[in-house]
Amino acid sequence: MPKNPPESMQHHLRQRLNRHAHRRWPHVNAITVRFRAGFAYITAELPGTESLPLCRLRFTGVLHTWGFALYLASSDSYRDNILPSGLPSGSPEEALDCAGDLYLSGTAI
């Protein structure tokens, strides 16, 4: 079974994504990151009690490059996808931008 990144990387990833989301989508309260079996599940916490799954990142062993899977609300699942760069992996911020532009742009209050 794939391993999660070390605690220090997990903490760093959470900070990076929250900082980035706050700049791009100020109406988002927080980005939560849950780790399981080498994946980081990214969810936006919206005002009130709404949580919105965005994407899943696959740990590649490198802090700055993660595999990308987009959350599909229609099937309540994640599907490996390509980032706007044309690559299946990239920075966590690039993955958050891709998913956030799809799911968060119309959620402003």
N, C-alpha and C. Protein backbone atom coordinates (compact mmCIF):
# COMPACT_ATOMS: atom_id res chain seq x y z
N MET A 1 0.85 -1.18 0.00
CA MET A 1 0.00 0.00 0.00
C MET A 1 0.89 1.24 0.00
N PRO A 2 0.60 2.21 -0.87
CA PRO A 2 1.41 3.44 -0.90
C PRO A 2 1.36 4.17 0.44
N LYS A 3 2.46 4.80 0.75
CA LYS A 3 2.56 5.52 2.02
C LYS A 3 2.22 6.99 1.85
N ASN A 4 1.71 7.56 2.92
CA ASN A 4 1.47 9.00 2.96
C ASN A 4 2.80 9.72 3.10
N PRO A 5 2.84 10.99 2.68
CA PRO A 5 4.06 11.77 2.91
C PRO A 5 4.29 11.96 4.40
N PRO A 6 5.52 12.29 4.78
CA PRO A 6 5.80 12.56 6.20
C PRO A 6 4.92 13.70 6.73
N GLU A 7 4.72 13.71 8.04
CA GLU A 7 3.88 14.74 8.69
C GLU A 7 4.31 16.15 8.31
N SER A 8 5.59 16.40 8.21
CA SER A 8 6.07 17.75 7.87
C SER A 8 5.61 18.16 6.47
N MET A 9 5.61 17.21 5.51
CA MET A 9 5.11 17.50 4.16
C MET A 9 3.61 17.72 4.16
N GLN A 10 2.91 16.92 4.96
CA GLN A 10 1.46 17.08 5.05
C GLN A 10 1.11 18.48 5.56
N HIS A 11 1.80 18.89 6.61
CA HIS A 11 1.58 20.22 7.18
C HIS A 11 1.89 21.32 6.15
N HIS A 12 3.00 21.17 5.45
CA HIS A 12 3.40 22.16 4.44
C HIS A 12 2.36 22.24 3.32
N LEU A 13 1.87 21.08 2.87
CA LEU A 13 0.86 21.06 1.80
C LEU A 13 -0.41 21.77 2.25
N ARG A 14 -0.86 21.51 3.47
CA ARG A 14 -2.06 22.18 3.97
C ARG A 14 -1.88 23.69 4.00
N GLN A 15 -0.73 24.15 4.46
CA GLN A 15 -0.46 25.59 4.50
C GLN A 15 -0.44 26.19 3.11
N ARG A 16 0.25 25.55 2.18
CA ARG A 16 0.34 26.06 0.81
C ARG A 16 -1.03 26.19 0.17
N LEU A 17 -1.85 25.14 0.29
CA LEU A 17 -3.15 25.17 -0.35
C LEU A 17 -4.09 26.18 0.29
N ASN A 18 -4.06 26.32 1.59
CA ASN A 18 -4.91 27.32 2.25
C ASN A 18 -4.48 28.74 1.89
N ARG A 19 -3.20 28.99 1.85
CA ARG A 19 -2.70 30.31 1.45
C ARG A 19 -3.14 30.64 0.03
N HIS A 20 -2.98 29.68 -0.87
CA HIS A 20 -3.34 29.88 -2.27
C HIS A 20 -4.85 30.09 -2.44
N ALA A 21 -5.63 29.26 -1.77
CA ALA A 21 -7.09 29.38 -1.88
C ALA A 21 -7.59 30.71 -1.34
N HIS A 22 -7.00 31.17 -0.25
CA HIS A 22 -7.42 32.44 0.33
C HIS A 22 -7.22 33.59 -0.67
N ARG A 23 -6.16 33.54 -1.43
CA ARG A 23 -5.91 34.58 -2.44
C ARG A 23 -6.86 34.47 -3.63
N ARG A 24 -7.15 33.24 -4.07
CA ARG A 24 -7.97 33.03 -5.27
C ARG A 24 -9.47 33.09 -4.99
N TRP A 25 -9.89 32.53 -3.86
CA TRP A 25 -11.32 32.42 -3.54
C TRP A 25 -11.52 32.86 -2.09
N PRO A 26 -11.58 34.17 -1.84
CA PRO A 26 -11.67 34.66 -0.45
C PRO A 26 -12.93 34.19 0.29
N HIS A 27 -13.96 33.76 -0.44
CA HIS A 27 -15.18 33.29 0.21
C HIS A 27 -15.04 31.87 0.78
N VAL A 28 -13.96 31.18 0.47
CA VAL A 28 -13.73 29.83 1.00
C VAL A 28 -13.15 29.96 2.40
N ASN A 29 -13.78 29.32 3.38
CA ASN A 29 -13.30 29.39 4.77
C ASN A 29 -11.98 28.69 4.95
N ALA A 30 -11.84 27.52 4.35
CA ALA A 30 -10.61 26.73 4.51
C ALA A 30 -10.56 25.64 3.46
N ILE A 31 -9.38 25.14 3.24
CA ILE A 31 -9.16 23.94 2.44
C ILE A 31 -8.72 22.85 3.42
N THR A 32 -9.45 21.76 3.42
CA THR A 32 -9.04 20.64 4.27
C THR A 32 -8.36 19.60 3.39
N VAL A 33 -7.36 18.97 3.97
CA VAL A 33 -6.60 17.94 3.26
C VAL A 33 -6.58 16.71 4.15
N ARG A 34 -7.10 15.62 3.63
CA ARG A 34 -7.16 14.34 4.35
C ARG A 34 -6.26 13.35 3.61
N PHE A 35 -5.36 12.70 4.31
CA PHE A 35 -4.42 11.77 3.70
C PHE A 35 -4.85 10.34 3.94
N ARG A 36 -4.75 9.54 2.85
CA ARG A 36 -5.08 8.12 2.96
C ARG A 36 -4.40 7.36 1.82
N ALA A 37 -3.59 6.38 2.17
CA ALA A 37 -2.96 5.46 1.21
C ALA A 37 -2.20 6.18 0.09
N GLY A 38 -1.46 7.20 0.43
CA GLY A 38 -0.66 7.90 -0.56
C GLY A 38 -1.41 8.98 -1.34
N PHE A 39 -2.65 9.22 -0.98
CA PHE A 39 -3.46 10.25 -1.63
C PHE A 39 -3.79 11.36 -0.65
N ALA A 40 -3.92 12.56 -1.18
CA ALA A 40 -4.38 13.72 -0.40
C ALA A 40 -5.72 14.14 -0.99
N TYR A 41 -6.77 14.05 -0.21
CA TYR A 41 -8.11 14.42 -0.65
C TYR A 41 -8.36 15.88 -0.26
N ILE A 42 -8.65 16.71 -1.25
CA ILE A 42 -8.77 18.16 -1.06
C ILE A 42 -10.25 18.56 -1.07
N THR A 43 -10.67 19.25 -0.01
CA THR A 43 -12.07 19.68 0.13
C THR A 43 -12.10 21.15 0.51
N ALA A 44 -13.02 21.90 -0.10
CA ALA A 44 -13.22 23.31 0.26
C ALA A 44 -14.31 23.38 1.32
N GLU A 45 -14.02 24.13 2.37
CA GLU A 45 -15.01 24.39 3.42
C GLU A 45 -15.62 25.76 3.13
N LEU A 46 -16.90 25.76 2.82
CA LEU A 46 -17.60 26.99 2.45
C LEU A 46 -18.35 27.56 3.65
N PRO A 47 -18.79 28.80 3.56
CA PRO A 47 -19.55 29.39 4.68
C PRO A 47 -20.73 28.51 5.07
N GLY A 48 -21.02 28.49 6.34
CA GLY A 48 -22.05 27.59 6.86
C GLY A 48 -21.41 26.25 7.14
N THR A 49 -22.06 25.20 6.75
CA THR A 49 -21.52 23.86 7.02
C THR A 49 -21.22 23.09 5.74
N GLU A 50 -21.24 23.76 4.60
CA GLU A 50 -21.04 23.06 3.33
C GLU A 50 -19.58 22.72 3.08
N SER A 51 -19.33 21.47 2.75
CA SER A 51 -18.02 21.00 2.32
C SER A 51 -18.13 20.55 0.88
N LEU A 52 -17.15 20.94 0.07
CA LEU A 52 -17.20 20.63 -1.36
C LEU A 52 -15.92 19.92 -1.77
N PRO A 53 -15.99 18.60 -2.06
CA PRO A 53 -14.81 17.89 -2.54
C PRO A 53 -14.33 18.50 -3.86
N LEU A 54 -13.02 18.62 -4.03
CA LEU A 54 -12.46 19.24 -5.23
C LEU A 54 -11.62 18.27 -6.05
N CYS A 55 -10.64 17.67 -5.41
CA CYS A 55 -9.73 16.82 -6.16
C CYS A 55 -8.97 15.90 -5.22
N ARG A 56 -8.19 15.03 -5.84
CA ARG A 56 -7.33 14.12 -5.10
C ARG A 56 -5.92 14.24 -5.69
N LEU A 57 -4.95 14.38 -4.82
CA LEU A 57 -3.56 14.45 -5.24
C LEU A 57 -2.87 13.13 -4.89
N ARG A 58 -2.03 12.64 -5.79
CA ARG A 58 -1.28 11.41 -5.55
C ARG A 58 0.15 11.78 -5.20
N PHE A 59 0.62 11.32 -4.08
CA PHE A 59 1.98 11.61 -3.63
C PHE A 59 2.98 10.89 -4.53
N THR A 60 3.90 11.66 -5.11
CA THR A 60 4.91 11.09 -6.02
C THR A 60 6.26 10.95 -5.35
N GLY A 61 6.34 11.37 -4.10
CA GLY A 61 7.62 11.34 -3.40
C GLY A 61 8.31 12.68 -3.40
N VAL A 62 7.76 13.65 -4.15
CA VAL A 62 8.34 14.98 -4.26
C VAL A 62 7.30 16.00 -3.80
N LEU A 63 7.69 16.93 -2.96
CA LEU A 63 6.76 17.90 -2.39
C LEU A 63 6.07 18.77 -3.44
N HIS A 64 6.75 19.08 -4.52
CA HIS A 64 6.23 20.06 -5.48
C HIS A 64 5.53 19.44 -6.69
N THR A 65 5.48 18.12 -6.78
CA THR A 65 4.84 17.47 -7.92
C THR A 65 3.92 16.36 -7.41
N TRP A 66 2.64 16.50 -7.74
CA TRP A 66 1.62 15.54 -7.30
C TRP A 66 0.78 15.12 -8.50
N GLY A 67 0.35 13.86 -8.52
CA GLY A 67 -0.60 13.41 -9.53
C GLY A 67 -1.96 14.03 -9.25
N PHE A 68 -2.79 14.15 -10.29
CA PHE A 68 -4.05 14.89 -10.18
C PHE A 68 -5.23 14.02 -10.59
N ALA A 69 -6.26 14.02 -9.77
CA ALA A 69 -7.55 13.41 -10.11
C ALA A 69 -8.64 14.38 -9.71
N LEU A 70 -9.54 14.65 -10.62
CA LEU A 70 -10.64 15.58 -10.38
C LEU A 70 -11.80 14.86 -9.72
N TYR A 71 -12.45 15.51 -8.78
CA TYR A 71 -13.66 14.96 -8.17
C TYR A 71 -14.81 15.10 -9.16
N LEU A 72 -15.56 14.03 -9.35
CA LEU A 72 -16.73 14.05 -10.23
C LEU A 72 -17.98 13.96 -9.37
N ALA A 73 -18.68 15.08 -9.25
CA ALA A 73 -19.87 15.12 -8.41
C ALA A 73 -20.95 14.17 -8.92
N SER A 74 -21.02 13.98 -10.23
CA SER A 74 -22.07 13.13 -10.80
C SER A 74 -21.96 11.68 -10.37
N SER A 75 -20.74 11.22 -10.08
CA SER A 75 -20.56 9.82 -9.66
C SER A 75 -19.96 9.71 -8.26
N ASP A 76 -19.76 10.84 -7.59
CA ASP A 76 -19.17 10.87 -6.26
C ASP A 76 -17.87 10.05 -6.22
N SER A 77 -17.00 10.34 -7.21
CA SER A 77 -15.74 9.60 -7.30
C SER A 77 -14.66 10.52 -7.87
N TYR A 78 -13.45 10.01 -7.90
CA TYR A 78 -12.31 10.76 -8.43
C TYR A 78 -11.82 10.06 -9.69
N ARG A 79 -11.42 10.87 -10.69
CA ARG A 79 -10.90 10.30 -11.93
C ARG A 79 -9.60 11.00 -12.29
N ASP A 80 -8.56 10.19 -12.55
CA ASP A 80 -7.30 10.76 -12.99
C ASP A 80 -7.56 11.69 -14.16
N ASN A 81 -6.89 12.82 -14.17
CA ASN A 81 -7.15 13.83 -15.18
C ASN A 81 -5.86 14.52 -15.57
N ILE A 82 -5.97 15.36 -16.56
CA ILE A 82 -4.84 16.14 -17.08
C ILE A 82 -5.01 17.58 -16.62
N LEU A 83 -3.92 18.18 -16.17
CA LEU A 83 -3.93 19.59 -15.77
C LEU A 83 -3.88 20.47 -17.00
N PRO A 84 -4.20 21.76 -16.87
CA PRO A 84 -4.16 22.67 -18.02
C PRO A 84 -2.80 22.70 -18.73
N SER A 85 -1.73 22.33 -18.02
CA SER A 85 -0.40 22.28 -18.63
C SER A 85 -0.27 21.14 -19.63
N GLY A 86 -1.24 20.22 -19.62
CA GLY A 86 -1.19 19.05 -20.49
C GLY A 86 -0.55 17.84 -19.83
N LEU A 87 -0.13 18.00 -18.58
CA LEU A 87 0.52 16.93 -17.85
C LEU A 87 -0.42 16.31 -16.82
N PRO A 88 -0.22 15.04 -16.46
CA PRO A 88 -1.07 14.41 -15.45
C PRO A 88 -0.64 14.73 -14.02
N SER A 89 0.44 15.48 -13.86
CA SER A 89 0.90 15.86 -12.53
C SER A 89 1.47 17.26 -12.58
N GLY A 90 1.51 17.90 -11.41
CA GLY A 90 2.02 19.26 -11.33
C GLY A 90 2.01 19.73 -9.89
N SER A 91 2.08 21.04 -9.71
CA SER A 91 2.11 21.59 -8.37
C SER A 91 0.73 21.46 -7.71
N PRO A 92 0.70 21.42 -6.39
CA PRO A 92 -0.59 21.38 -5.70
C PRO A 92 -1.46 22.60 -6.05
N GLU A 93 -0.82 23.75 -6.20
CA GLU A 93 -1.58 24.97 -6.54
C GLU A 93 -2.21 24.86 -7.93
N GLU A 94 -1.48 24.27 -8.88
CA GLU A 94 -2.02 24.10 -10.22
C GLU A 94 -3.25 23.17 -10.18
N ALA A 95 -3.16 22.11 -9.40
CA ALA A 95 -4.29 21.19 -9.26
C ALA A 95 -5.48 21.88 -8.59
N LEU A 96 -5.21 22.66 -7.55
CA LEU A 96 -6.28 23.39 -6.87
C LEU A 96 -6.92 24.40 -7.80
N ASP A 97 -6.13 25.09 -8.60
CA ASP A 97 -6.68 26.05 -9.56
C ASP A 97 -7.62 25.35 -10.55
N CYS A 98 -7.19 24.21 -11.05
CA CYS A 98 -8.00 23.48 -12.03
C CYS A 98 -9.35 23.08 -11.42
N ALA A 99 -9.32 22.46 -10.26
CA ALA A 99 -10.55 22.03 -9.60
C ALA A 99 -11.35 23.22 -9.08
N GLY A 100 -10.66 24.19 -8.50
CA GLY A 100 -11.34 25.35 -7.93
C GLY A 100 -12.03 26.19 -8.98
N ASP A 101 -11.39 26.36 -10.14
CA ASP A 101 -12.04 27.13 -11.20
C ASP A 101 -13.32 26.45 -11.67
N LEU A 102 -13.34 25.14 -11.60
CA LEU A 102 -14.54 24.39 -11.99
C LEU A 102 -15.63 24.46 -10.91
N TYR A 103 -15.25 24.26 -9.64
CA TYR A 103 -16.23 24.12 -8.57
C TYR A 103 -16.45 25.35 -7.70
N LEU A 104 -15.48 26.25 -7.62
CA LEU A 104 -15.59 27.37 -6.66
C LEU A 104 -15.93 28.70 -7.28
N SER A 105 -15.77 28.86 -8.56
CA SER A 105 -15.97 30.17 -9.19
C SER A 105 -17.40 30.66 -9.07
N GLY A 106 -18.37 29.77 -9.04
CA GLY A 106 -19.76 30.18 -8.93
C GLY A 106 -20.34 30.09 -7.54
N THR A 107 -19.48 29.92 -6.50
CA THR A 107 -20.01 29.72 -5.16
C THR A 107 -19.89 30.95 -4.27
N ALA A 108 -19.45 32.07 -4.82
CA ALA A 108 -19.27 33.28 -3.99
C ALA A 108 -20.60 33.72 -3.41
N ILE A 109 -20.52 34.22 -2.19
CA ILE A 109 -21.75 34.70 -1.52
C ILE A 109 -21.90 36.19 -1.71
